[in-house]
PDB file of N, CA and C in Angstrom:
ATOM      1  N   MET A   1     161.739  17.018 169.090  1.00  0.00           N
ATOM      2  CA  MET A   1     161.185  15.304 168.396  1.00  0.00           C
ATOM      3  C   MET A   1     161.175  13.871 167.740  1.00  0.00           C
ATOM      4  N   LYS A   2     162.422  14.042 168.583  1.00  0.00           N
ATOM      5  CA  LYS A   2     162.882  12.759 169.644  1.00  0.00           C
ATOM      6  C   LYS A   2     161.930  12.576 170.079  1.00  0.00           C
ATOM      7  N   ARG A   3     161.469  12.893 171.270  1.00  0.00           N
ATOM      8  CA  ARG A   3     160.451  13.143 171.943  1.00  0.00           C
ATOM      9  C   ARG A   3     159.103  12.738 171.541  1.00  0.00           C
ATOM     10  N   PHE A   4     158.464  12.805 170.514  1.00  0.00           N
ATOM     11  CA  PHE A   4     157.284  13.170 169.982  1.00  0.00           C
ATOM     12  C   PHE A   4     157.219  11.692 168.707  1.00  0.00           C
ATOM     13  N   LEU A   5     158.303  11.213 168.128  1.00  0.00           N
ATOM     14  CA  LEU A   5     158.390  10.243 167.768  1.00  0.00           C
ATOM     15  C   LEU A   5     158.611   8.845 168.634  1.00  0.00           C
ATOM     16  N   LYS A   6     159.069   9.062 170.111  1.00  0.00           N
ATOM     17  CA  LYS A   6     158.709   8.200 171.081  1.00  0.00           C
ATOM     18  C   LYS A   6     157.325   8.119 171.333  1.00  0.00           C
ATOM     19  N   TYR A   7     156.943   9.282 171.302  1.00  0.00           N
ATOM     20  CA  TYR A   7     155.428   9.079 172.124  1.00  0.00           C
ATOM     21  C   TYR A   7     154.884   8.203 170.989  1.00  0.00           C
ATOM     22  N   LEU A   8     155.037   9.036 170.161  1.00  0.00           N
ATOM     23  CA  LEU A   8     154.159   7.921 168.830  1.00  0.00           C
ATOM     24  C   LEU A   8     154.345   6.440 168.190  1.00  0.00           C
ATOM     25  N   LEU A   9     155.265   6.218 168.733  1.00  0.00           N
ATOM     26  CA  LEU A   9     155.886   4.822 168.744  1.00  0.00           C
ATOM     27  C   LEU A   9     155.518   4.058 169.905  1.00  0.00           C
ATOM     28  N   ILE A  10     155.098   4.570 171.137  1.00  0.00           N
ATOM     29  CA  ILE A  10     154.615   4.134 172.378  1.00  0.00           C
ATOM     30  C   ILE A  10     152.652   4.082 171.695  1.00  0.00           C
ATOM     31  N   LEU A  11     152.411   4.929 171.527  1.00  0.00           N
ATOM     32  CA  LEU A  11     151.208   4.745 170.871  1.00  0.00           C
ATOM     33  C   LEU A  11     151.026   3.946 169.850  1.00  0.00           C
ATOM     34  N   ALA A  12     151.306   3.349 168.918  1.00  0.00           N
ATOM     35  CA  ALA A  12     151.413   2.641 168.145  1.00  0.00           C
ATOM     36  C   ALA A  12     151.766   1.465 168.996  1.00  0.00           C
ATOM     37  N   ALA A  13     152.593   1.520 169.700  1.00  0.00           N
ATOM     38  CA  ALA A  13     152.499  -0.204 170.094  1.00  0.00           C
ATOM     39  C   ALA A  13     151.011  -0.828 171.235  1.00  0.00           C
ATOM     40  N   MET A  14     150.425   0.820 171.380  1.00  0.00           N
ATOM     41  CA  MET A  14     149.519   0.739 172.740  1.00  0.00           C
ATOM     42  C   MET A  14     148.418  -0.147 171.415  1.00  0.00           C
ATOM     43  N   ALA A  15     148.590   0.478 170.487  1.00  0.00           N
ATOM     44  CA  ALA A  15     146.897  -0.060 169.082  1.00  0.00           C
ATOM     45  C   ALA A  15     147.118  -1.032 168.709  1.00  0.00           C
ATOM     46  N   ALA A  16     148.215  -1.618 168.325  1.00  0.00           N
ATOM     47  CA  ALA A  16     148.643  -3.295 167.824  1.00  0.00           C
ATOM     48  C   ALA A  16     148.362  -3.923 168.961  1.00  0.00           C
ATOM     49  N   ALA A  17     148.566  -3.648 170.349  1.00  0.00           N
ATOM     50  CA  ALA A  17     148.675  -4.743 171.526  1.00  0.00           C
ATOM     51  C   ALA A  17     146.458  -4.390 171.586  1.00  0.00           C
ATOM     52  N   ALA A  18     145.852  -3.621 171.535  1.00  0.00           N
ATOM     53  CA  ALA A  18     144.854  -3.525 171.886  1.00  0.00           C
ATOM     54  C   ALA A  18     144.373  -4.111 170.362  1.00  0.00           C
ATOM     55  N   LEU A  19     144.857  -3.619 169.687  1.00  0.00           N
ATOM     56  CA  LEU A  19     143.996  -4.977 168.321  1.00  0.00           C
ATOM     57  C   LEU A  19     144.105  -6.238 168.083  1.00  0.00           C
ATOM     58  N   ALA A  20     145.122  -6.517 168.986  1.00  0.00           N
ATOM     59  CA  ALA A  20     145.559  -8.347 168.935  1.00  0.00           C
ATOM     60  C   ALA A  20     144.482  -8.733 170.111  1.00  0.00           C
ATOM     61  N   ILE A  21     144.505  -8.168 171.413  1.00  0.00           N
ATOM     62  CA  ILE A  21     143.837  -8.295 172.245  1.00  0.00           C
ATOM     63  C   ILE A  21     142.307  -8.813 171.748  1.00  0.00           C
ATOM     64  N   ASP A  22     141.620  -7.872 170.666  1.00  0.00           N
ATOM     65  CA  ASP A  22     140.340  -7.422 170.649  1.00  0.00           C
ATOM     66  C   ASP A  22     140.346  -8.984 169.469  1.00  0.00           C
ATOM     67  N   TYR A  23     141.600  -9.305 168.597  1.00  0.00           N
ATOM     68  CA  TYR A  23     141.178 -10.073 167.945  1.00  0.00           C
ATOM     69  C   TYR A  23     141.422 -11.285 168.486  1.00  0.00           C
ATOM     70  N   TRP A  24     141.986 -11.749 169.507  1.00  0.00           N
ATOM     71  CA  TRP A  24     142.157 -12.829 170.489  1.00  0.00           C
ATOM     72  C   TRP A  24     140.423 -13.379 170.927  1.00  0.00           C
ATOM     73  N   ASN A  25     139.790 -11.813 171.119  1.00  0.00           N
ATOM     74  CA  ASN A  25     138.532 -12.291 171.992  1.00  0.00           C
ATOM     75  C   ASN A  25     137.660 -12.287 171.401  1.00  0.00           C
ATOM     76  N   VAL A  26     137.798 -11.986 169.855  1.00  0.00           N
ATOM     77  CA  VAL A  26     136.492 -12.260 168.743  1.00  0.00           C
ATOM     78  C   VAL A  26     136.806 -13.638 168.116  1.00  0.00           C
ATOM     79  N   THR A  27     138.188 -14.050 168.142  1.00  0.00           N
ATOM     80  CA  THR A  27     138.446 -15.358 167.916  1.00  0.00           C
ATOM     81  C   THR A  27     137.762 -16.857 168.432  1.00  0.00           C
ATOM     82  N   ARG A  28     137.925 -15.632 170.069  1.00  0.00           N
ATOM     83  CA  ARG A  28     137.519 -16.992 170.763  1.00  0.00           C
ATOM     84  C   ARG A  28     135.972 -16.997 171.477  1.00  0.00           C
ATOM     85  N   LYS A  29     135.685 -16.167 171.357  1.00  0.00           N
ATOM     86  CA  LYS A  29     133.862 -16.267 170.946  1.00  0.00           C
ATOM     87  C   LYS A  29     133.729 -17.042 169.862  1.00  0.00           C
ATOM     88  N   GLU A  30     134.177 -17.287 168.680  1.00  0.00           N
ATOM     89  CA  GLU A  30     133.954 -17.420 167.141  1.00  0.00           C
ATOM     90  C   GLU A  30     134.370 -19.262 167.506  1.00  0.00           C
ATOM     91  N   LYS A  31     134.686 -19.126 168.177  1.00  0.00           N
ATOM     92  CA  LYS A  31     135.196 -20.799 168.698  1.00  0.00           C
ATOM     93  C   LYS A  31     134.120 -21.586 169.191  1.00  0.00           C
ATOM     94  N   ARG A  32     133.968 -20.519 170.251  1.00  0.00           N
ATOM     95  CA  ARG A  32     132.729 -21.131 171.585  1.00  0.00           C
ATOM     96  C   ARG A  32     131.411 -21.023 171.083  1.00  0.00           C
ATOM     97  N   LEU A  33     131.216 -20.021 170.023  1.00  0.00           N
ATOM     98  CA  LEU A  33     129.724 -20.371 169.047  1.00  0.00           C
ATOM     99  C   LEU A  33     129.916 -21.513 168.222  1.00  0.00           C
ATOM    100  N   SER A  34     130.342 -21.635 167.721  1.00  0.00           N
ATOM    101  CA  SER A  34     130.924 -22.755 166.876  1.00  0.00           C
ATOM    102  C   SER A  34     130.849 -24.243 167.307  1.00  0.00           C
ATOM    103  N   ILE A  35     131.365 -24.132 168.476  1.00  0.00           N
ATOM    104  CA  ILE A  35     131.003 -25.157 169.314  1.00  0.00           C
ATOM    105  C   ILE A  35     129.777 -25.430 169.761  1.00  0.00           C
ATOM    106  N   ALA A  36     129.102 -24.588 170.251  1.00  0.00           N
ATOM    107  CA  ALA A  36     127.666 -24.586 170.574  1.00  0.00           C
ATOM    108  C   ALA A  36     127.226 -25.184 169.033  1.00  0.00           C
ATOM    109  N   VAL A  37     126.793 -24.741 168.332  1.00  0.00           N
ATOM    110  CA  VAL A  37     126.345 -24.722 167.320  1.00  0.00           C
ATOM    111  C   VAL A  37     126.720 -26.460 166.684  1.00  0.00           C
ATOM    112  N   SER A  38     128.050 -26.797 166.636  1.00  0.00           N
ATOM    113  CA  SER A  38     128.237 -28.275 166.089  1.00  0.00           C
ATOM    114  C   SER A  38     127.313 -29.229 167.756  1.00  0.00           C
ATOM    115  N   GLN A  39     127.489 -28.772 168.385  1.00  0.00           N
ATOM    116  CA  GLN A  39     126.408 -29.572 169.566  1.00  0.00           C
ATOM    117  C   GLN A  39     125.493 -29.580 169.667  1.00  0.00           C
ATOM    118  N   ILE A  40     124.320 -28.898 168.596  1.00  0.00           N
ATOM    119  CA  ILE A  40     123.547 -29.167 168.149  1.00  0.00           C
ATOM    120  C   ILE A  40     122.941 -29.451 167.525  1.00  0.00           C
ATOM    121  N   GLY A  41     124.291 -29.433 166.956  1.00  0.00           N
ATOM    122  CA  GLY A  41     123.741 -30.763 164.845  1.00  0.00           C
ATOM    123  C   GLY A  41     123.019 -30.005 164.003  1.00  0.00           C
ATOM    124  N   GLY A  42     123.903 -28.509 164.274  1.00  0.00           N
ATOM    125  CA  GLY A  42     124.190 -26.879 163.426  1.00  0.00           C
ATOM    126  C   GLY A  42     125.064 -27.055 162.344  1.00  0.00           C
ATOM    127  N   ARG A  43     124.561 -26.197 161.882  1.00  0.00           N
ATOM    128  CA  ARG A  43     126.003 -25.793 160.465  1.00  0.00           C
ATOM    129  C   ARG A  43     125.844 -23.958 160.697  1.00  0.00           C
ATOM    130  N   ASN A  44     127.432 -23.603 160.307  1.00  0.00           N
ATOM    131  CA  ASN A  44     127.170 -22.337 160.602  1.00  0.00           C
ATOM    132  C   ASN A  44     128.319 -21.342 159.734  1.00  0.00           C
ATOM    133  N   GLY A  45     128.273 -20.451 159.279  1.00  0.00           N
ATOM    134  CA  GLY A  45     129.005 -19.962 158.266  1.00  0.00           C
ATOM    135  C   GLY A  45     128.983 -18.446 158.564  1.00  0.00           C
ATOM    136  N   SER A  46     130.524 -17.812 157.964  1.00  0.00           N
ATOM    137  CA  SER A  46     130.344 -16.664 158.265  1.00  0.00           C
ATOM    138  C   SER A  46     130.931 -15.409 157.474  1.00  0.00           C
ATOM    139  N   ILE A  47     130.875 -14.632 157.496  1.00  0.00           N
ATOM    140  CA  ILE A  47     131.340 -13.863 156.314  1.00  0.00           C
ATOM    141  C   ILE A  47     132.568 -12.493 156.670  1.00  0.00           C
ATOM    142  N   PRO A  48     133.770 -12.793 157.203  1.00  0.00           N
ATOM    143  CA  PRO A  48     134.315 -11.937 158.517  1.00  0.00           C
ATOM    144  C   PRO A  48     134.778 -10.956 157.424  1.00  0.00           C
ATOM    145  N   PHE A  49     134.780  -9.422 158.218  1.00  0.00           N
ATOM    146  CA  PHE A  49     134.948  -8.266 158.403  1.00  0.00           C
ATOM    147  C   PHE A  49     135.838  -7.898 159.459  1.00  0.00           C
ATOM    148  N   TRP A  50     136.280  -8.601 160.445  1.00  0.00           N
ATOM    149  CA  TRP A  50     136.645  -7.769 161.768  1.00  0.00           C
ATOM    150  C   TRP A  50     137.857  -6.750 160.810  1.00  0.00           C
ATOM    151  N   PRO A  51     138.049  -5.834 161.689  1.00  0.00           N
ATOM    152  CA  PRO A  51     137.664  -5.585 163.099  1.00  0.00           C
ATOM    153  C   PRO A  51     136.371  -4.641 163.327  1.00  0.00           C
ATOM    154  N   LEU A  52     135.379  -4.684 162.247  1.00  0.00           N
ATOM    155  CA  LEU A  52     134.150  -3.963 162.390  1.00  0.00           C
ATOM    156  C   LEU A  52     132.746  -4.748 163.076  1.00  0.00           C
ATOM    157  N   GLY A  53     133.146  -6.006 162.190  1.00  0.00           N
ATOM    158  CA  GLY A  53     132.277  -7.243 162.810  1.00  0.00           C
ATOM    159  C   GLY A  53     131.730  -8.076 161.786  1.00  0.00           C
ATOM    160  N   THR A  54     130.853  -8.805 162.136  1.00  0.00           N
ATOM    161  CA  THR A  54     130.955 -10.224 161.105  1.00  0.00           C
ATOM    162  C   THR A  54     129.674 -10.784 160.662  1.00  0.00           C
ATOM    163  N   GLU A  55     129.020 -11.207 159.587  1.00  0.00           N
ATOM    164  CA  GLU A  55     127.714 -11.782 159.465  1.00  0.00           C
ATOM    165  C   GLU A  55     128.232 -13.253 159.671  1.00  0.00           C
ATOM    166  N   TYR A  56     127.319 -13.787 160.681  1.00  0.00           N
ATOM    167  CA  TYR A  56     126.673 -14.849 160.786  1.00  0.00           C
ATOM    168  C   TYR A  56     125.542 -15.441 160.940  1.00  0.00           C
ATOM    169  N   ARG A  57     125.978 -16.671 159.869  1.00  0.00           N
ATOM    170  CA  ARG A  57     124.685 -17.224 159.891  1.00  0.00           C
ATOM    171  C   ARG A  57     124.689 -18.658 160.370  1.00  0.00           C
ATOM    172  N   ILE A  58     123.816 -19.119 160.952  1.00  0.00           N
ATOM    173  CA  ILE A  58     123.059 -20.837 161.704  1.00  0.00           C
ATOM    174  C   ILE A  58     122.260 -20.603 161.133  1.00  0.00           C
ATOM    175  N   THR A  59     121.995 -22.411 161.359  1.00  0.00           N
ATOM    176  CA  THR A  59     120.923 -23.107 160.767  1.00  0.00           C
ATOM    177  C   THR A  59     121.336 -24.066 161.570  1.00  0.00           C
ATOM    178  N   LEU A  60     120.312 -24.116 162.250  1.00  0.00           N
ATOM    179  CA  LEU A  60     119.482 -25.496 163.053  1.00  0.00           C
ATOM    180  C   LEU A  60     118.847 -25.761 163.291  1.00  0.00           C
ATOM    181  N   THR A  61     119.297 -27.499 163.123  1.00  0.00           N
ATOM    182  CA  THR A  61     117.906 -28.426 162.457  1.00  0.00           C
ATOM    183  C   THR A  61     117.358 -29.537 163.671  1.00  0.00           C
ATOM    184  N   ALA A  62     117.523 -28.377 165.117  1.00  0.00           N
ATOM    185  CA  ALA A  62     117.024 -29.490 166.154  1.00  0.00           C
ATOM    186  C   ALA A  62     116.616 -28.125 167.606  1.00  0.00           C
ATOM    187  N   ILE A  63     115.901 -28.654 168.280  1.00  0.00           N
ATOM    188  CA  ILE A  63     115.547 -27.564 168.945  1.00  0.00           C
ATOM    189  C   ILE A  63     116.588 -27.045 169.878  1.00  0.00           C
ATOM    190  N   PRO A  64     117.704 -26.714 170.399  1.00  0.00           N
ATOM    191  CA  PRO A  64     118.673 -27.068 171.539  1.00  0.00           C
ATOM    192  C   PRO A  64     117.404 -26.522 173.166  1.00  0.00           C
ATOM    193  N   THR A  65     118.513 -27.833 173.989  1.00  0.00           N
ATOM    194  CA  THR A  65     117.786 -27.389 175.292  1.00  0.00           C
ATOM    195  C   THR A  65     118.763 -26.790 175.939  1.00  0.00           C
ATOM    196  N   ALA A  66     118.011 -26.915 177.149  1.00  0.00           N
ATOM    197  CA  ALA A  66     118.294 -25.863 178.026  1.00  0.00           C
ATOM    198  C   ALA A  66     119.623 -25.241 177.819  1.00  0.00           C
ATOM    199  N   GLY A  67     120.189 -26.577 178.480  1.00  0.00           N
ATOM    200  CA  GLY A  67     121.906 -26.392 178.547  1.00  0.00           C
ATOM    201  C   GLY A  67     122.627 -26.510 177.026  1.00  0.00           C
ATOM    202  N   GLN A  68     122.115 -26.658 175.680  1.00  0.00           N
ATOM    203  CA  GLN A  68     122.828 -26.169 174.792  1.00  0.00           C
ATOM    204  C   GLN A  68     122.089 -24.631 174.158  1.00  0.00           C
ATOM    205  N   LEU A  69     121.018 -24.176 175.064  1.00  0.00           N
ATOM    206  CA  LEU A  69     120.592 -22.476 175.083  1.00  0.00           C
ATOM    207  C   LEU A  69     121.680 -21.868 175.752  1.00  0.00           C
ATOM    208  N   ASP A  70     121.847 -22.512 176.894  1.00  0.00           N
ATOM    209  CA  ASP A  70     122.709 -21.857 177.914  1.00  0.00           C
ATOM    210  C   ASP A  70     124.216 -21.061 177.381  1.00  0.00           C
ATOM    211  N   GLN A  71     124.412 -22.339 176.186  1.00  0.00           N
ATOM    212  CA  GLN A  71     125.725 -22.134 175.553  1.00  0.00           C
ATOM    213  C   GLN A  71     125.659 -21.401 173.981  1.00  0.00           C
ATOM    214  N   LEU A  72     124.330 -21.405 173.667  1.00  0.00           N
ATOM    215  CA  LEU A  72     124.485 -20.992 172.557  1.00  0.00           C
ATOM    216  C   LEU A  72     123.881 -19.147 172.390  1.00  0.00           C
ATOM    217  N   LYS A  73     123.637 -18.737 173.874  1.00  0.00           N
ATOM    218  CA  LYS A  73     123.384 -17.571 174.079  1.00  0.00           C
ATOM    219  C   LYS A  73     124.893 -16.324 173.690  1.00  0.00           C
ATOM    220  N   ILE A  74     125.799 -17.136 173.573  1.00  0.00           N
ATOM    221  CA  ILE A  74     127.531 -16.741 173.180  1.00  0.00           C
ATOM    222  C   ILE A  74     126.834 -15.205 171.831  1.00  0.00           C
ATOM    223  N   ALA A  75     125.968 -15.941 171.225  1.00  0.00           N
ATOM    224  CA  ALA A  75     125.686 -15.444 170.115  1.00  0.00           C
ATOM    225  C   ALA A  75     125.154 -14.411 170.023  1.00  0.00           C
ATOM    226  N   ASN A  76     124.756 -13.497 171.571  1.00  0.00           N
ATOM    227  CA  ASN A  76     124.012 -12.409 171.848  1.00  0.00           C
ATOM    228  C   ASN A  76     126.037 -11.206 171.708  1.00  0.00           C
ATOM    229  N   GLU A  77     126.898 -12.051 172.065  1.00  0.00           N
ATOM    230  CA  GLU A  77     128.072 -10.861 172.415  1.00  0.00           C
ATOM    231  C   GLU A  77     128.920 -10.895 171.140  1.00  0.00           C
ATOM    232  N   MET A  78     128.656 -11.644 170.010  1.00  0.00           N
ATOM    233  CA  MET A  78     129.016 -11.275 168.901  1.00  0.00           C
ATOM    234  C   MET A  78     129.278 -10.024 168.065  1.00  0.00           C
ATOM    235  N   ARG A  79     129.948  -8.937 167.402  1.00  0.00           N
ATOM    236  CA  ARG A  79     129.533  -8.347 166.908  1.00  0.00           C
ATOM    237  C   ARG A  79     129.729  -8.688 165.725  1.00  0.00           C
ATOM    238  N   GLY A  80     128.659  -7.758 165.129  1.00  0.00           N
ATOM    239  CA  GLY A  80     127.975  -7.812 163.639  1.00  0.00           C
ATOM    240  C   GLY A  80     126.554  -8.068 164.155  1.00  0.00           C
ATOM    241  N   TRP A  81     126.148  -9.022 162.487  1.00  0.00           N
ATOM    242  CA  TRP A  81     124.731  -9.626 162.508  1.00  0.00           C
ATOM    243  C   TRP A  81     124.636 -11.215 162.625  1.00  0.00           C
ATOM    244  N   VAL A  82     124.236 -11.478 164.005  1.00  0.00           N
ATOM    245  CA  VAL A  82     123.907 -13.430 164.150  1.00  0.00           C
ATOM    246  C   VAL A  82     122.351 -13.623 163.360  1.00  0.00           C
ATOM    247  N   GLY A  83     122.348 -14.131 162.629  1.00  0.00           N
ATOM    248  CA  GLY A  83     120.677 -15.019 161.910  1.00  0.00           C
ATOM    249  C   GLY A  83     120.969 -16.483 162.800  1.00  0.00           C
ATOM    250  N   ILE A  84     120.148 -16.548 162.675  1.00  0.00           N
ATOM    251  CA  ILE A  84     120.392 -18.186 163.274  1.00  0.00           C
ATOM    252  C   ILE A  84     118.732 -19.191 162.580  1.00  0.00           C
ATOM    253  N   ALA A  85     118.861 -19.585 161.823  1.00  0.00           N
ATOM    254  CA  ALA A  85     117.256 -20.558 161.336  1.00  0.00           C
ATOM    255  C   ALA A  85     117.230 -21.856 161.853  1.00  0.00           C
ATOM    256  N   PHE A  86     116.005 -21.824 162.276  1.00  0.00           N
ATOM    257  CA  PHE A  86     115.427 -23.467 162.784  1.00  0.00           C
ATOM    258  C   PHE A  86     114.518 -23.896 161.329  1.00  0.00           C
ATOM    259  N   GLU A  87     115.668 -24.648 161.312  1.00  0.00           N
ATOM    260  CA  GLU A  87     114.695 -25.848 159.778  1.00  0.00           C
ATOM    261  C   GLU A  87     113.463 -27.084 160.630  1.00  0.00           C
ATOM    262  N   ASP A  88     112.938 -26.854 159.725  1.00  0.00           N
ATOM    263  CA  ASP A  88     112.005 -28.366 160.077  1.00  0.00           C
ATOM    264  C   ASP A  88     112.104 -28.657 161.956  1.00  0.00           C
ATOM    265  N   CYS A  89     111.482 -27.547 162.708  1.00  0.00           N
ATOM    266  CA  CYS A  89     112.161 -28.553 164.011  1.00  0.00           C
ATOM    267  C   CYS A  89     110.785 -28.195 164.613  1.00  0.00           C
ATOM    268  N   GLY A  90     109.876 -27.646 164.231  1.00  0.00           N
ATOM    269  CA  GLY A  90     108.271 -27.849 165.147  1.00  0.00           C
ATOM    270  C   GLY A  90     108.442 -27.621 166.017  1.00  0.00           C
ATOM    271  N   LEU A  91     108.598 -25.987 166.217  1.00  0.00           N
ATOM    272  CA  LEU A  91     108.237 -25.137 167.181  1.00  0.00           C
ATOM    273  C   LEU A  91     107.048 -24.648 167.875  1.00  0.00           C
ATOM    274  N   THR A  92     107.165 -24.460 169.690  1.00  0.00           N
ATOM    275  CA  THR A  92     106.112 -24.747 169.466  1.00  0.00           C
ATOM    276  C   THR A  92     106.376 -23.165 169.962  1.00  0.00           C
ATOM    277  N   ALA A  93     104.549 -22.366 170.452  1.00  0.00           N
ATOM    278  CA  ALA A  93     104.913 -20.858 170.948  1.00  0.00           C
ATOM    279  C   ALA A  93     105.704 -20.650 172.207  1.00  0.00           C
ATOM    280  N   ASP A  94     106.376 -21.695 173.540  1.00  0.00           N
ATOM    281  CA  ASP A  94     107.413 -21.935 174.422  1.00  0.00           C
ATOM    282  C   ASP A  94     108.258 -21.495 173.470  1.00  0.00           C
ATOM    283  N   ASP A  95     108.400 -22.545 172.485  1.00  0.00           N
ATOM    284  CA  ASP A  95     110.290 -22.863 171.848  1.00  0.00           C
ATOM    285  C   ASP A  95     110.300 -21.030 171.375  1.00  0.00           C
ATOM    286  N   ARG A  96     109.460 -21.309 170.792  1.00  0.00           N
ATOM    287  CA  ARG A  96     109.487 -19.647 171.012  1.00  0.00           C
ATOM    288  C   ARG A  96     109.953 -18.658 171.383  1.00  0.00           C
ATOM    289  N   ASP A  97     109.283 -18.268 172.757  1.00  0.00           N
ATOM    290  CA  ASP A  97     109.090 -17.656 173.176  1.00  0.00           C
ATOM    291  C   ASP A  97     110.890 -18.044 174.508  1.00  0.00           C
ATOM    292  N   ARG A  98     110.787 -18.472 174.449  1.00  0.00           N
ATOM    293  CA  ARG A  98     111.710 -19.390 175.135  1.00  0.00           C
ATOM    294  C   ARG A  98     113.071 -18.657 174.442  1.00  0.00           C
ATOM    295  N   LEU A  99     113.734 -19.024 172.529  1.00  0.00           N
ATOM    296  CA  LEU A  99     113.968 -18.799 172.318  1.00  0.00           C
ATOM    297  C   LEU A  99     114.517 -16.894 172.072  1.00  0.00           C
ATOM    298  N   ARG A 100     113.166 -16.447 171.961  1.00  0.00           N
ATOM    299  CA  ARG A 100     113.561 -15.004 171.586  1.00  0.00           C
ATOM    300  C   ARG A 100     113.853 -14.354 173.070  1.00  0.00           C
ATOM    301  N   ARG A 101     113.781 -14.941 174.399  1.00  0.00           N
ATOM    302  CA  ARG A 101     114.093 -13.975 175.596  1.00  0.00           C
ATOM    303  C   ARG A 101     115.697 -14.875 175.482  1.00  0.00           C
ATOM    304  N   ASN A 102     116.094 -15.678 175.718  1.00  0.00           N
ATOM    305  CA  ASN A 102     116.982 -16.002 175.243  1.00  0.00           C
ATOM    306  C   ASN A 102     118.862 -15.231 174.451  1.00  0.00           C
ATOM    307  N   LEU A 103     118.301 -15.358 173.048  1.00  0.00           N
ATOM    308  CA  LEU A 103     118.872 -14.974 171.767  1.00  0.00           C
ATOM    309  C   LEU A 103     118.066 -13.829 171.230  1.00  0.00           C
ATOM    310  N   GLU A 104     117.963 -12.365 172.257  1.00  0.00           N
ATOM    311  CA  GLU A 104     117.557 -11.400 172.196  1.00  0.00           C
ATOM    312  C   GLU A 104     118.365 -10.578 170.953  1.00  0.00           C
ATOM    313  N   ARG A 105     119.418 -10.795 170.861  1.00  0.00           N
ATOM    314  CA  ARG A 105     120.646  -9.597 170.274  1.00  0.00           C
ATOM    315  C   ARG A 105     120.662 -10.395 168.743  1.00  0.00           C
ATOM    316  N   CYS A 106     120.092 -11.629 168.276  1.00  0.00           N
ATOM    317  CA  CYS A 106     120.156 -12.634 167.172  1.00  0.00           C
ATOM    318  C   CYS A 106     118.792 -12.484 166.620  1.00  0.00           C
ATOM    319  N   HIS A 107     119.379 -12.617 165.032  1.00  0.00           N
ATOM    320  CA  HIS A 107     117.865 -12.485 164.155  1.00  0.00           C
ATOM    321  C   HIS A 107     117.322 -13.640 164.187  1.00  0.00           C
ATOM    322  N   LEU A 108     115.976 -14.091 164.388  1.00  0.00           N
ATOM    323  CA  LEU A 108     115.410 -15.509 164.547  1.00  0.00           C
ATOM    324  C   LEU A 108     114.428 -15.586 163.118  1.00  0.00           C
ATOM    325  N   PHE A 109     114.748 -17.478 162.519  1.00  0.00           N
ATOM    326  CA  PHE A 109     114.160 -17.388 161.552  1.00  0.00           C
ATOM    327  C   PHE A 109     113.941 -19.263 161.835  1.00  0.00           C
ATOM    328  N   VAL A 110     112.749 -18.995 161.103  1.00  0.00           N
ATOM    329  CA  VAL A 110     112.168 -20.381 160.513  1.00  0.00           C
ATOM    330  C   VAL A 110     111.668 -21.109 159.733  1.00  0.00           C
ATOM    331  N   VAL A 111     112.575 -21.934 158.761  1.00  0.00           N
ATOM    332  CA  VAL A 111     112.614 -22.065 157.697  1.00  0.00           C
ATOM    333  C   VAL A 111     111.615 -22.974 157.572  1.00  0.00           C
ATOM    334  N   GLN A 112     110.175 -22.605 156.531  1.00  0.00           N
ATOM    335  CA  GLN A 112     109.722 -24.485 156.505  1.00  0.00           C
ATOM    336  C   GLN A 112     109.091 -23.817 155.151  1.00  0.00           C
ATOM    337  N   ASP A 113     109.056 -25.436 154.198  1.00  0.00           N
ATOM    338  CA  ASP A 113     108.812 -25.346 153.058  1.00  0.00           C
ATOM    339  C   ASP A 113     110.197 -24.805 152.051  1.00  0.00           C
ATOM    340  N   GLY A 114     111.015 -24.394 152.409  1.00  0.00           N
ATOM    341  CA  GLY A 114     112.511 -23.666 152.220  1.00  0.00           C
ATOM    342  C   GLY A 114     112.157 -22.690 151.989  1.00  0.00           C
ATOM    343  N   LYS A 115     111.433 -21.946 152.452  1.00  0.00           N
ATOM    344  CA  LYS A 115     111.284 -20.489 152.705  1.00  0.00           C
ATOM    345  C   LYS A 115     111.366 -20.244 153.605  1.00  0.00           C
ATOM    346  N   ARG A 116     112.820 -18.676 153.990  1.00  0.00           N
ATOM    347  CA  ARG A 116     113.116 -18.261 155.150  1.00  0.00           C
ATOM    348  C   ARG A 116     112.398 -16.918 156.060  1.00  0.00           C
ATOM    349  N   ASN A 117     111.797 -17.223 157.163  1.00  0.00           N
ATOM    350  CA  ASN A 117     110.684 -16.434 157.353  1.00  0.00           C
ATOM    351  C   ASN A 117     111.093 -16.303 158.943  1.00  0.00           C
ATOM    352  N   PRO A 118     111.234 -14.850 159.253  1.00  0.00           N
ATOM    353  CA  PRO A 118     111.263 -14.108 161.110  1.00  0.00           C
ATOM    354  C   PRO A 118     110.608 -15.408 162.182  1.00  0.00           C
ATOM    355  N   LEU A 119     111.115 -15.276 162.759  1.00  0.00           N
ATOM    356  CA  LEU A 119     110.185 -15.886 163.546  1.00  0.00           C
ATOM    357  C   LEU A 119     109.287 -15.204 164.237  1.00  0.00           C
ATOM    358  N   ASP A 120     108.762 -14.154 164.112  1.00  0.00           N
ATOM    359  CA  ASP A 120     107.597 -13.662 165.156  1.00  0.00           C
ATOM    360  C   ASP A 120     106.920 -13.471 163.777  1.00  0.00           C
ATOM    361  N   ASP A 121     107.255 -13.591 162.598  1.00  0.00           N
ATOM    362  CA  ASP A 121     106.105 -13.912 161.403  1.00  0.00           C
ATOM    363  C   ASP A 121     105.844 -15.495 160.915  1.00  0.00           C
ATOM    364  N   ALA A 122     106.237 -16.158 161.617  1.00  0.00           N
ATOM    365  CA  ALA A 122     106.068 -17.820 161.504  1.00  0.00           C
ATOM    366  C   ALA A 122     104.720 -18.295 162.550  1.00  0.00           C
ATOM    367  N   GLY A 123     104.093 -18.532 161.936  1.00  0.00           N
ATOM    368  CA  GLY A 123     102.871 -19.441 163.014  1.00  0.00           C
ATOM    369  C   GLY A 123     103.521 -20.120 163.375  1.00  0.00           C
ATOM    370  N   THR A 124     102.851 -20.597 164.821  1.00  0.00           N
ATOM    371  CA  THR A 124     103.030 -21.384 165.507  1.00  0.00           C
ATOM    372  C   THR A 124     102.397 -22.974 165.077  1.00  0.00           C
ATOM    373  N   ASN A 125     103.800 -24.080 164.786  1.00  0.00           N
ATOM    374  CA  ASN A 125     103.057 -25.351 164.750  1.00  0.00           C
ATOM    375  C   ASN A 125     101.826 -26.336 165.866  1.00  0.00           C
TER     376      ASN A 125
END
């Protein structure tokens, strides 16, 4: 019985360590995402549900430069749903293709006249 309790305590300690490492990883990625969004001049919010996942809602009012987009790619690594809305950005067809290629795991939207439309459904400007 003592041996069983010893193994149970070791297993519980390993699970606690794994959860702590996971939480640290998630918060590190969230900080990187927040910095990337703020550097573009955007806003972000989230509905956390750690450890299962989080819903991230990002609104950008400028088209990210190549360097900014490289930093924003962290959004592809987030656990959960990531929605990025481009509000009054005047996206060209090339911009849309570049965003789709680089943010392939995110849900992309265009906000026109106060209405949010999926990037694929919104017409080019």
